[in-house]
PDB file of N, CA and C in Angstrom:
ATOM      1  N   MET A   1     139.570 157.508 130.154  1.00  0.00           N
ATOM      2  CA  MET A   1     139.186 158.552 131.061  1.00  0.00           C
ATOM      3  C   MET A   1     139.105 159.893 130.334  1.00  0.00           C
ATOM      4  N   ALA A   2     140.058 160.177 129.510  1.00  0.00           N
ATOM      5  CA  ALA A   2     140.090 161.458 128.812  1.00  0.00           C
ATOM      6  C   ALA A   2     138.942 161.602 127.812  1.00  0.00           C
ATOM      7  N   CYS A   3     138.335 160.495 127.422  1.00  0.00           N
ATOM      8  CA  CYS A   3     137.198 160.529 126.498  1.00  0.00           C
ATOM      9  C   CYS A   3     135.883 160.751 127.227  1.00  0.00           C
ATOM     10  N   GLY A   4     135.901 160.668 128.549  1.00  0.00           N
ATOM     11  CA  GLY A   4     134.687 160.806 129.317  1.00  0.00           C
ATOM     12  C   GLY A   4     133.873 159.531 129.388  1.00  0.00           C
ATOM     13  N   ALA A   5     134.518 158.421 129.111  1.00  0.00           N
ATOM     14  CA  ALA A   5     133.822 157.133 129.203  1.00  0.00           C
ATOM     15  C   ALA A   5     133.805 156.683 130.658  1.00  0.00           C
ATOM     16  N   PRO A   6     132.737 155.977 131.071  1.00  0.00           N
ATOM     17  CA  PRO A   6     132.761 155.413 132.423  1.00  0.00           C
ATOM     18  C   PRO A   6     133.890 154.391 132.495  1.00  0.00           C
ATOM     19  N   VAL A   7     134.667 154.436 133.560  1.00  0.00           N
ATOM     20  CA  VAL A   7     135.847 153.588 133.665  1.00  0.00           C
ATOM     21  C   VAL A   7     135.580 152.410 134.587  1.00  0.00           C
ATOM     22  N   ILE A   8     135.963 151.236 134.110  1.00  0.00           N
ATOM     23  CA  ILE A   8     136.057 150.056 134.963  1.00  0.00           C
ATOM     24  C   ILE A   8     137.466 149.527 134.785  1.00  0.00           C
ATOM     25  N   SER A   9     138.049 149.071 135.872  1.00  0.00           N
ATOM     26  CA  SER A   9     139.461 148.712 135.828  1.00  0.00           C
ATOM     27  C   SER A   9     139.762 147.570 136.774  1.00  0.00           C
ATOM     28  N   SER A  10     140.757 146.799 136.406  1.00  0.00           N
ATOM     29  CA  SER A  10     141.293 145.797 137.308  1.00  0.00           C
ATOM     30  C   SER A  10     141.890 146.503 138.516  1.00  0.00           C
ATOM     31  N   ASN A  11     141.880 145.832 139.638  1.00  0.00           N
ATOM     32  CA  ASN A  11     142.458 146.416 140.849  1.00  0.00           C
ATOM     33  C   ASN A  11     143.905 145.985 141.042  1.00  0.00           C
ATOM     34  N   ARG A  12     144.607 145.720 139.972  1.00  0.00           N
ATOM     35  CA  ARG A  12     145.999 145.253 140.005  1.00  0.00           C
ATOM     36  C   ARG A  12     146.969 146.343 139.591  1.00  0.00           C
ATOM     37  N   GLY A  13     148.195 146.187 140.012  1.00  0.00           N
ATOM     38  CA  GLY A  13     149.276 147.083 139.615  1.00  0.00           C
ATOM     39  C   GLY A  13     149.020 148.518 140.023  1.00  0.00           C
ATOM     40  N   ALA A  14     149.345 149.433 139.142  1.00  0.00           N
ATOM     41  CA  ALA A  14     149.193 150.860 139.419  1.00  0.00           C
ATOM     42  C   ALA A  14     147.812 151.380 139.045  1.00  0.00           C
ATOM     43  N   LEU A  15     146.965 150.523 138.489  1.00  0.00           N
ATOM     44  CA  LEU A  15     145.656 150.987 138.020  1.00  0.00           C
ATOM     45  C   LEU A  15     144.805 151.627 139.107  1.00  0.00           C
ATOM     46  N   PRO A  16     144.725 151.067 140.305  1.00  0.00           N
ATOM     47  CA  PRO A  16     143.920 151.736 141.333  1.00  0.00           C
ATOM     48  C   PRO A  16     144.416 153.154 141.635  1.00  0.00           C
ATOM     49  N   GLU A  17     145.717 153.356 141.612  1.00  0.00           N
ATOM     50  CA  GLU A  17     146.281 154.680 141.863  1.00  0.00           C
ATOM     51  C   GLU A  17     145.920 155.645 140.737  1.00  0.00           C
ATOM     52  N   VAL A  18     145.962 155.169 139.515  1.00  0.00           N
ATOM     53  CA  VAL A  18     145.655 156.020 138.366  1.00  0.00           C
ATOM     54  C   VAL A  18     144.162 156.347 138.329  1.00  0.00           C
ATOM     55  N   VAL A  19     143.329 155.345 138.485  1.00  0.00           N
ATOM     56  CA  VAL A  19     141.881 155.521 138.369  1.00  0.00           C
ATOM     57  C   VAL A  19     141.301 156.252 139.578  1.00  0.00           C
ATOM     58  N   GLY A  20     141.818 155.976 140.757  1.00  0.00           N
ATOM     59  CA  GLY A  20     141.291 156.605 141.963  1.00  0.00           C
ATOM     60  C   GLY A  20     139.814 156.307 142.137  1.00  0.00           C
ATOM     61  N   ASP A  21     139.044 157.331 142.473  1.00  0.00           N
ATOM     62  CA  ASP A  21     137.608 157.134 142.662  1.00  0.00           C
ATOM     63  C   ASP A  21     136.815 157.425 141.394  1.00  0.00           C
ATOM     64  N   ALA A  22     137.516 157.525 140.261  1.00  0.00           N
ATOM     65  CA  ALA A  22     136.868 157.853 139.000  1.00  0.00           C
ATOM     66  C   ALA A  22     136.341 156.631 138.264  1.00  0.00           C
ATOM     67  N   GLY A  23     136.476 155.460 138.847  1.00  0.00           N
ATOM     68  CA  GLY A  23     135.992 154.262 138.170  1.00  0.00           C
ATOM     69  C   GLY A  23     135.667 153.162 139.147  1.00  0.00           C
ATOM     70  N   LEU A  24     135.108 152.108 138.625  1.00  0.00           N
ATOM     71  CA  LEU A  24     134.807 150.928 139.423  1.00  0.00           C
ATOM     72  C   LEU A  24     135.906 149.906 139.213  1.00  0.00           C
ATOM     73  N   MET A  25     136.337 149.298 140.283  1.00  0.00           N
ATOM     74  CA  MET A  25     137.412 148.315 140.215  1.00  0.00           C
ATOM     75  C   MET A  25     136.844 146.901 140.331  1.00  0.00           C
ATOM     76  N   PHE A  26     137.576 145.964 139.746  1.00  0.00           N
ATOM     77  CA  PHE A  26     137.210 144.555 139.875  1.00  0.00           C
ATOM     78  C   PHE A  26     138.470 143.729 140.022  1.00  0.00           C
ATOM     79  N   ASP A  27     138.326 142.583 140.637  1.00  0.00           N
ATOM     80  CA  ASP A  27     139.443 141.652 140.806  1.00  0.00           C
ATOM     81  C   ASP A  27     139.457 140.724 139.604  1.00  0.00           C
ATOM     82  N   ALA A  28     140.472 140.874 138.767  1.00  0.00           N
ATOM     83  CA  ALA A  28     140.553 140.089 137.536  1.00  0.00           C
ATOM     84  C   ALA A  28     140.718 138.594 137.810  1.00  0.00           C
ATOM     85  N   ARG A  29     141.125 138.258 139.036  1.00  0.00           N
ATOM     86  CA  ARG A  29     141.281 136.836 139.363  1.00  0.00           C
ATOM     87  C   ARG A  29     139.957 136.177 139.759  1.00  0.00           C
ATOM     88  N   GLN A  30     138.940 137.005 139.993  1.00  0.00           N
ATOM     89  CA  GLN A  30     137.642 136.471 140.391  1.00  0.00           C
ATOM     90  C   GLN A  30     136.725 136.374 139.167  1.00  0.00           C
ATOM     91  N   GLU A  31     136.509 135.164 138.744  1.00  0.00           N
ATOM     92  CA  GLU A  31     135.674 134.930 137.574  1.00  0.00           C
ATOM     93  C   GLU A  31     134.297 135.568 137.769  1.00  0.00           C
ATOM     94  N   GLY A  32     133.882 136.301 136.812  1.00  0.00           N
ATOM     95  CA  GLY A  32     132.560 136.906 136.840  1.00  0.00           C
ATOM     96  C   GLY A  32     132.518 138.344 137.326  1.00  0.00           C
ATOM     97  N   GLU A  33     133.551 138.819 138.016  1.00  0.00           N
ATOM     98  CA  GLU A  33     133.510 140.192 138.529  1.00  0.00           C
ATOM     99  C   GLU A  33     133.446 141.224 137.413  1.00  0.00           C
ATOM    100  N   LEU A  34     134.190 141.003 136.339  1.00  0.00           N
ATOM    101  CA  LEU A  34     134.153 141.940 135.217  1.00  0.00           C
ATOM    102  C   LEU A  34     132.733 142.044 134.676  1.00  0.00           C
ATOM    103  N   ALA A  35     132.083 140.906 134.483  1.00  0.00           N
ATOM    104  CA  ALA A  35     130.711 140.904 133.957  1.00  0.00           C
ATOM    105  C   ALA A  35     129.762 141.647 134.891  1.00  0.00           C
ATOM    106  N   LEU A  36     129.921 141.461 136.199  1.00  0.00           N
ATOM    107  CA  LEU A  36     129.054 142.139 137.159  1.00  0.00           C
ATOM    108  C   LEU A  36     129.238 143.656 137.109  1.00  0.00           C
ATOM    109  N   VAL A  37     130.492 144.096 137.032  1.00  0.00           N
ATOM    110  CA  VAL A  37     130.770 145.534 136.996  1.00  0.00           C
ATOM    111  C   VAL A  37     130.264 146.134 135.680  1.00  0.00           C
ATOM    112  N   LEU A  38     130.480 145.433 134.581  1.00  0.00           N
ATOM    113  CA  LEU A  38     129.971 145.915 133.292  1.00  0.00           C
ATOM    114  C   LEU A  38     128.450 146.031 133.325  1.00  0.00           C
ATOM    115  N   ALA A  39     127.796 145.007 133.823  1.00  0.00           N
ATOM    116  CA  ALA A  39     126.330 145.015 133.886  1.00  0.00           C
ATOM    117  C   ALA A  39     125.838 146.170 134.753  1.00  0.00           C
ATOM    118  N   ARG A  40     126.540 146.425 135.841  1.00  0.00           N
ATOM    119  CA  ARG A  40     126.147 147.517 136.735  1.00  0.00           C
ATOM    120  C   ARG A  40     126.218 148.865 136.020  1.00  0.00           C
ATOM    121  N   VAL A  41     127.316 149.119 135.316  1.00  0.00           N
ATOM    122  CA  VAL A  41     127.478 150.389 134.607  1.00  0.00           C
ATOM    123  C   VAL A  41     126.477 150.505 133.458  1.00  0.00           C
ATOM    124  N   LEU A  42     126.254 149.423 132.750  1.00  0.00           N
ATOM    125  CA  LEU A  42     125.340 149.458 131.608  1.00  0.00           C
ATOM    126  C   LEU A  42     123.881 149.584 132.023  1.00  0.00           C
ATOM    127  N   SER A  43     123.539 149.154 133.212  1.00  0.00           N
ATOM    128  CA  SER A  43     122.137 149.187 133.641  1.00  0.00           C
ATOM    129  C   SER A  43     121.789 150.374 134.529  1.00  0.00           C
ATOM    130  N   ASP A  44     122.780 151.144 134.948  1.00  0.00           N
ATOM    131  CA  ASP A  44     122.540 152.268 135.853  1.00  0.00           C
ATOM    132  C   ASP A  44     123.047 153.553 135.197  1.00  0.00           C
ATOM    133  N   ALA A  45     122.135 154.263 134.525  1.00  0.00           N
ATOM    134  CA  ALA A  45     122.510 155.465 133.782  1.00  0.00           C
ATOM    135  C   ALA A  45     123.088 156.543 134.705  1.00  0.00           C
ATOM    136  N   ALA A  46     122.553 156.669 135.899  1.00  0.00           N
ATOM    137  CA  ALA A  46     123.064 157.683 136.828  1.00  0.00           C
ATOM    138  C   ALA A  46     124.502 157.364 137.233  1.00  0.00           C
ATOM    139  N   LEU A  47     124.790 156.100 137.485  1.00  0.00           N
ATOM    140  CA  LEU A  47     126.155 155.676 137.818  1.00  0.00           C
ATOM    141  C   LEU A  47     127.088 155.949 136.648  1.00  0.00           C
ATOM    142  N   ALA A  48     126.668 155.585 135.437  1.00  0.00           N
ATOM    143  CA  ALA A  48     127.503 155.805 134.251  1.00  0.00           C
ATOM    144  C   ALA A  48     127.794 157.292 134.062  1.00  0.00           C
ATOM    145  N   ASP A  49     126.790 158.146 134.256  1.00  0.00           N
ATOM    146  CA  ASP A  49     127.004 159.593 134.124  1.00  0.00           C
ATOM    147  C   ASP A  49     127.972 160.106 135.187  1.00  0.00           C
ATOM    148  N   ASP A  50     127.812 159.630 136.410  1.00  0.00           N
ATOM    149  CA  ASP A  50     128.714 160.034 137.485  1.00  0.00           C
ATOM    150  C   ASP A  50     130.148 159.608 137.180  1.00  0.00           C
ATOM    151  N   LEU A  51     130.330 158.383 136.704  1.00  0.00           N
ATOM    152  CA  LEU A  51     131.665 157.898 136.356  1.00  0.00           C
ATOM    153  C   LEU A  51     132.261 158.696 135.205  1.00  0.00           C
ATOM    154  N   ARG A  52     131.422 159.086 134.239  1.00  0.00           N
ATOM    155  CA  ARG A  52     131.918 159.910 133.129  1.00  0.00           C
ATOM    156  C   ARG A  52     132.476 161.236 133.653  1.00  0.00           C
ATOM    157  N   ARG A  53     131.721 161.894 134.513  1.00  0.00           N
ATOM    158  CA  ARG A  53     132.176 163.180 135.068  1.00  0.00           C
ATOM    159  C   ARG A  53     133.474 163.008 135.863  1.00  0.00           C
ATOM    160  N   ARG A  54     133.508 161.963 136.688  1.00  0.00           N
ATOM    161  CA  ARG A  54     134.704 161.757 137.504  1.00  0.00           C
ATOM    162  C   ARG A  54     135.906 161.368 136.657  1.00  0.00           C
ATOM    163  N   SER A  55     135.674 160.603 135.588  1.00  0.00           N
ATOM    164  CA  SER A  55     136.809 160.187 134.755  1.00  0.00           C
ATOM    165  C   SER A  55     137.423 161.378 134.023  1.00  0.00           C
ATOM    166  N   LEU A  56     136.592 162.291 133.553  1.00  0.00           N
ATOM    167  CA  LEU A  56     137.136 163.495 132.898  1.00  0.00           C
ATOM    168  C   LEU A  56     137.945 164.335 133.873  1.00  0.00           C
ATOM    169  N   ALA A  57     137.433 164.484 135.087  1.00  0.00           N
ATOM    170  CA  ALA A  57     138.159 165.261 136.097  1.00  0.00           C
ATOM    171  C   ALA A  57     139.478 164.582 136.445  1.00  0.00           C
ATOM    172  N   ARG A  58     139.457 163.277 136.597  1.00  0.00           N
ATOM    173  CA  ARG A  58     140.668 162.537 136.957  1.00  0.00           C
ATOM    174  C   ARG A  58     141.688 162.590 135.825  1.00  0.00           C
ATOM    175  N   ALA A  59     141.223 162.480 134.598  1.00  0.00           N
ATOM    176  CA  ALA A  59     142.133 162.520 133.446  1.00  0.00           C
ATOM    177  C   ALA A  59     142.894 163.839 133.386  1.00  0.00           C
ATOM    178  N   GLY A  60     142.290 164.911 133.920  1.00  0.00           N
ATOM    179  CA  GLY A  60     142.962 166.210 133.942  1.00  0.00           C
ATOM    180  C   GLY A  60     144.226 166.218 134.774  1.00  0.00           C
ATOM    181  N   LEU A  61     144.360 165.238 135.653  1.00  0.00           N
ATOM    182  CA  LEU A  61     145.579 165.129 136.459  1.00  0.00           C
ATOM    183  C   LEU A  61     146.750 164.575 135.658  1.00  0.00           C
ATOM    184  N   TYR A  62     146.464 163.996 134.509  1.00  0.00           N
ATOM    185  CA  TYR A  62     147.494 163.307 133.729  1.00  0.00           C
ATOM    186  C   TYR A  62     147.740 163.997 132.392  1.00  0.00           C
ATOM    187  N   THR A  63     148.040 165.287 132.443  1.00  0.00           N
ATOM    188  CA  THR A  63     148.362 166.011 131.219  1.00  0.00           C
ATOM    189  C   THR A  63     149.792 165.665 130.790  1.00  0.00           C
ATOM    190  N   SER A  64     150.074 165.870 129.532  1.00  0.00           N
ATOM    191  CA  SER A  64     151.430 165.573 129.048  1.00  0.00           C
ATOM    192  C   SER A  64     152.456 166.493 129.709  1.00  0.00           C
ATOM    193  N   ALA A  65     152.087 167.754 129.949  1.00  0.00           N
ATOM    194  CA  ALA A  65     153.033 168.683 130.591  1.00  0.00           C
ATOM    195  C   ALA A  65     153.339 168.233 132.016  1.00  0.00           C
ATOM    196  N   ARG A  66     152.324 167.825 132.747  1.00  0.00           N
ATOM    197  CA  ARG A  66     152.547 167.387 134.129  1.00  0.00           C
ATOM    198  C   ARG A  66     153.393 166.118 134.162  1.00  0.00           C
ATOM    199  N   THR A  67     153.064 165.180 133.292  1.00  0.00           N
ATOM    200  CA  THR A  67     153.809 163.931 133.248  1.00  0.00           C
ATOM    201  C   THR A  67     155.263 164.179 132.868  1.00  0.00           C
ATOM    202  N   THR A  68     155.482 165.020 131.863  1.00  0.00           N
ATOM    203  CA  THR A  68     156.846 165.347 131.441  1.00  0.00           C
ATOM    204  C   THR A  68     157.618 165.994 132.583  1.00  0.00           C
ATOM    205  N   GLY A  69     156.993 166.909 133.280  1.00  0.00           N
ATOM    206  CA  GLY A  69     157.647 167.558 134.408  1.00  0.00           C
ATOM    207  C   GLY A  69     158.036 166.576 135.495  1.00  0.00           C
ATOM    208  N   ARG A  70     157.148 165.638 135.787  1.00  0.00           N
ATOM    209  CA  ARG A  70     157.442 164.647 136.825  1.00  0.00           C
ATOM    210  C   ARG A  70     158.574 163.718 136.397  1.00  0.00           C
ATOM    211  N   VAL A  71     158.585 163.333 135.128  1.00  0.00           N
ATOM    212  CA  VAL A  71     159.654 162.465 134.625  1.00  0.00           C
ATOM    213  C   VAL A  71     160.989 163.206 134.670  1.00  0.00           C
ATOM    214  N   LEU A  72     161.007 164.453 134.253  1.00  0.00           N
ATOM    215  CA  LEU A  72     162.255 165.231 134.288  1.00  0.00           C
ATOM    216  C   LEU A  72     162.766 165.404 135.714  1.00  0.00           C
ATOM    217  N   THR A  73     161.860 165.662 136.650  1.00  0.00           N
ATOM    218  CA  THR A  73     162.259 165.780 138.054  1.00  0.00           C
ATOM    219  C   THR A  73     162.866 164.480 138.545  1.00  0.00           C
ATOM    220  N   PHE A  74     162.231 163.383 138.219  1.00  0.00           N
ATOM    221  CA  PHE A  74     162.725 162.061 138.612  1.00  0.00           C
ATOM    222  C   PHE A  74     164.116 161.806 138.032  1.00  0.00           C
ATOM    223  N   LEU A  75     164.299 162.107 136.753  1.00  0.00           N
ATOM    224  CA  LEU A  75     165.600 161.889 136.111  1.00  0.00           C
ATOM    225  C   LEU A  75     166.686 162.783 136.721  1.00  0.00           C
ATOM    226  N   ARG A  76     166.316 164.018 137.051  1.00  0.00           N
ATOM    227  CA  ARG A  76     167.286 164.911 137.702  1.00  0.00           C
ATOM    228  C   ARG A  76     167.695 164.361 139.071  1.00  0.00           C
ATOM    229  N   GLU A  77     166.715 163.856 139.811  1.00  0.00           N
ATOM    230  CA  GLU A  77     167.027 163.282 141.125  1.00  0.00           C
ATOM    231  C   GLU A  77     167.965 162.082 140.989  1.00  0.00           C
ATOM    232  N   ILE A  78     167.728 161.262 139.991  1.00  0.00           N
ATOM    233  CA  ILE A  78     168.617 160.119 139.757  1.00  0.00           C
ATOM    234  C   ILE A  78     170.007 160.600 139.381  1.00  0.00           C
ATOM    235  N   ASN A  79     170.070 161.566 138.497  1.00  0.00           N
ATOM    236  CA  ASN A  79     171.359 162.100 138.066  1.00  0.00           C
ATOM    237  C   ASN A  79     172.101 162.740 139.232  1.00  0.00           C
ATOM    238  N   ASP A  80     171.403 163.504 140.045  1.00  0.00           N
ATOM    239  CA  ASP A  80     172.039 164.143 141.205  1.00  0.00           C
ATOM    240  C   ASP A  80     172.544 163.085 142.181  1.00  0.00           C
ATOM    241  N   GLY A  81     171.818 162.015 142.338  1.00  0.00           N
ATOM    242  CA  GLY A  81     172.231 160.931 143.227  1.00  0.00           C
ATOM    243  C   GLY A  81     173.434 160.183 142.699  1.00  0.00           C
ATOM    244  N   ALA A  82     173.613 160.166 141.376  1.00  0.00           N
ATOM    245  CA  ALA A  82     174.726 159.438 140.767  1.00  0.00           C
ATOM    246  C   ALA A  82     176.068 160.085 141.105  1.00  0.00           C
ATOM    247  N   ALA A  83     176.056 161.367 141.427  1.00  0.00           N
ATOM    248  CA  ALA A  83     177.304 162.055 141.767  1.00  0.00           C
ATOM    249  C   ALA A  83     177.502 162.126 143.279  1.00  0.00           C
ATOM    250  N   GLY A  84     176.719 161.350 143.999  1.00  0.00           N
ATOM    251  CA  GLY A  84     176.743 161.394 145.462  1.00  0.00           C
ATOM    252  C   GLY A  84     177.939 160.678 146.058  1.00  0.00           C
ATOM    253  N   PRO A  85     177.923 160.484 147.370  1.00  0.00           N
ATOM    254  CA  PRO A  85     179.044 159.946 148.146  1.00  0.00           C
ATOM    255  C   PRO A  85     179.561 158.576 147.676  1.00  0.00           C
ATOM    256  N   ALA A  86     178.712 157.723 147.181  1.00  0.00           N
ATOM    257  CA  ALA A  86     179.165 156.381 146.770  1.00  0.00           C
ATOM    258  C   ALA A  86     180.182 156.493 145.637  1.00  0.00           C
ATOM    259  N   HIS A  87     179.949 157.414 144.716  1.00  0.00           N
ATOM    260  CA  HIS A  87     180.890 157.560 143.597  1.00  0.00           C
ATOM    261  C   HIS A  87     182.155 158.308 144.009  1.00  0.00           C
ATOM    262  N   VAL A  88     182.010 159.220 144.930  1.00  0.00           N
ATOM    263  CA  VAL A  88     183.182 159.976 145.416  1.00  0.00           C
ATOM    264  C   VAL A  88     184.138 159.024 146.130  1.00  0.00           C
ATOM    265  N   ALA A  89     183.606 158.104 146.933  1.00  0.00           N
ATOM    266  CA  ALA A  89     184.443 157.172 147.689  1.00  0.00           C
ATOM    267  C   ALA A  89     185.232 156.257 146.774  1.00  0.00           C
ATOM    268  N   THR A  90     184.694 155.915 145.605  1.00  0.00           N
ATOM    269  CA  THR A  90     185.405 155.017 144.704  1.00  0.00           C
ATOM    270  C   THR A  90     186.304 155.764 143.741  1.00  0.00           C
ATOM    271  N   GLY A  91     186.140 157.095 143.722  1.00  0.00           N
ATOM    272  CA  GLY A  91     186.935 157.886 142.784  1.00  0.00           C
ATOM    273  C   GLY A  91     186.321 157.950 141.402  1.00  0.00           C
ATOM    274  N   ARG A  92     185.146 157.324 141.204  1.00  0.00           N
ATOM    275  CA  ARG A  92     184.485 157.384 139.894  1.00  0.00           C
ATOM    276  C   ARG A  92     183.469 158.517 139.902  1.00  0.00           C
ATOM    277  N   HIS A  93     183.250 159.111 138.726  1.00  0.00           N
ATOM    278  CA  HIS A  93     182.267 160.189 138.595  1.00  0.00           C
ATOM    279  C   HIS A  93     181.290 159.874 137.530  1.00  0.00           C
TER     280      HIS A  93
END
């Protein structure tokens, strides 16, 4: 995405959330879907250009600073939760 390449992706796991509307999805369990999506992107220059623009815009959501900030927030929340009521009741900190 950050290279501006048209994106095609499996619709499994977290990939749909990451790709959003910036790419075409396919079901990896359905034989032939990958080939159909590839053929579509390779044969439709307007679609490929649109996907390139959308992939660059979407990639901007995943900067290293933003990702680092989200990870630090998550770790702080976990750490704050570790000192919560469950540990107080057992006497452990």
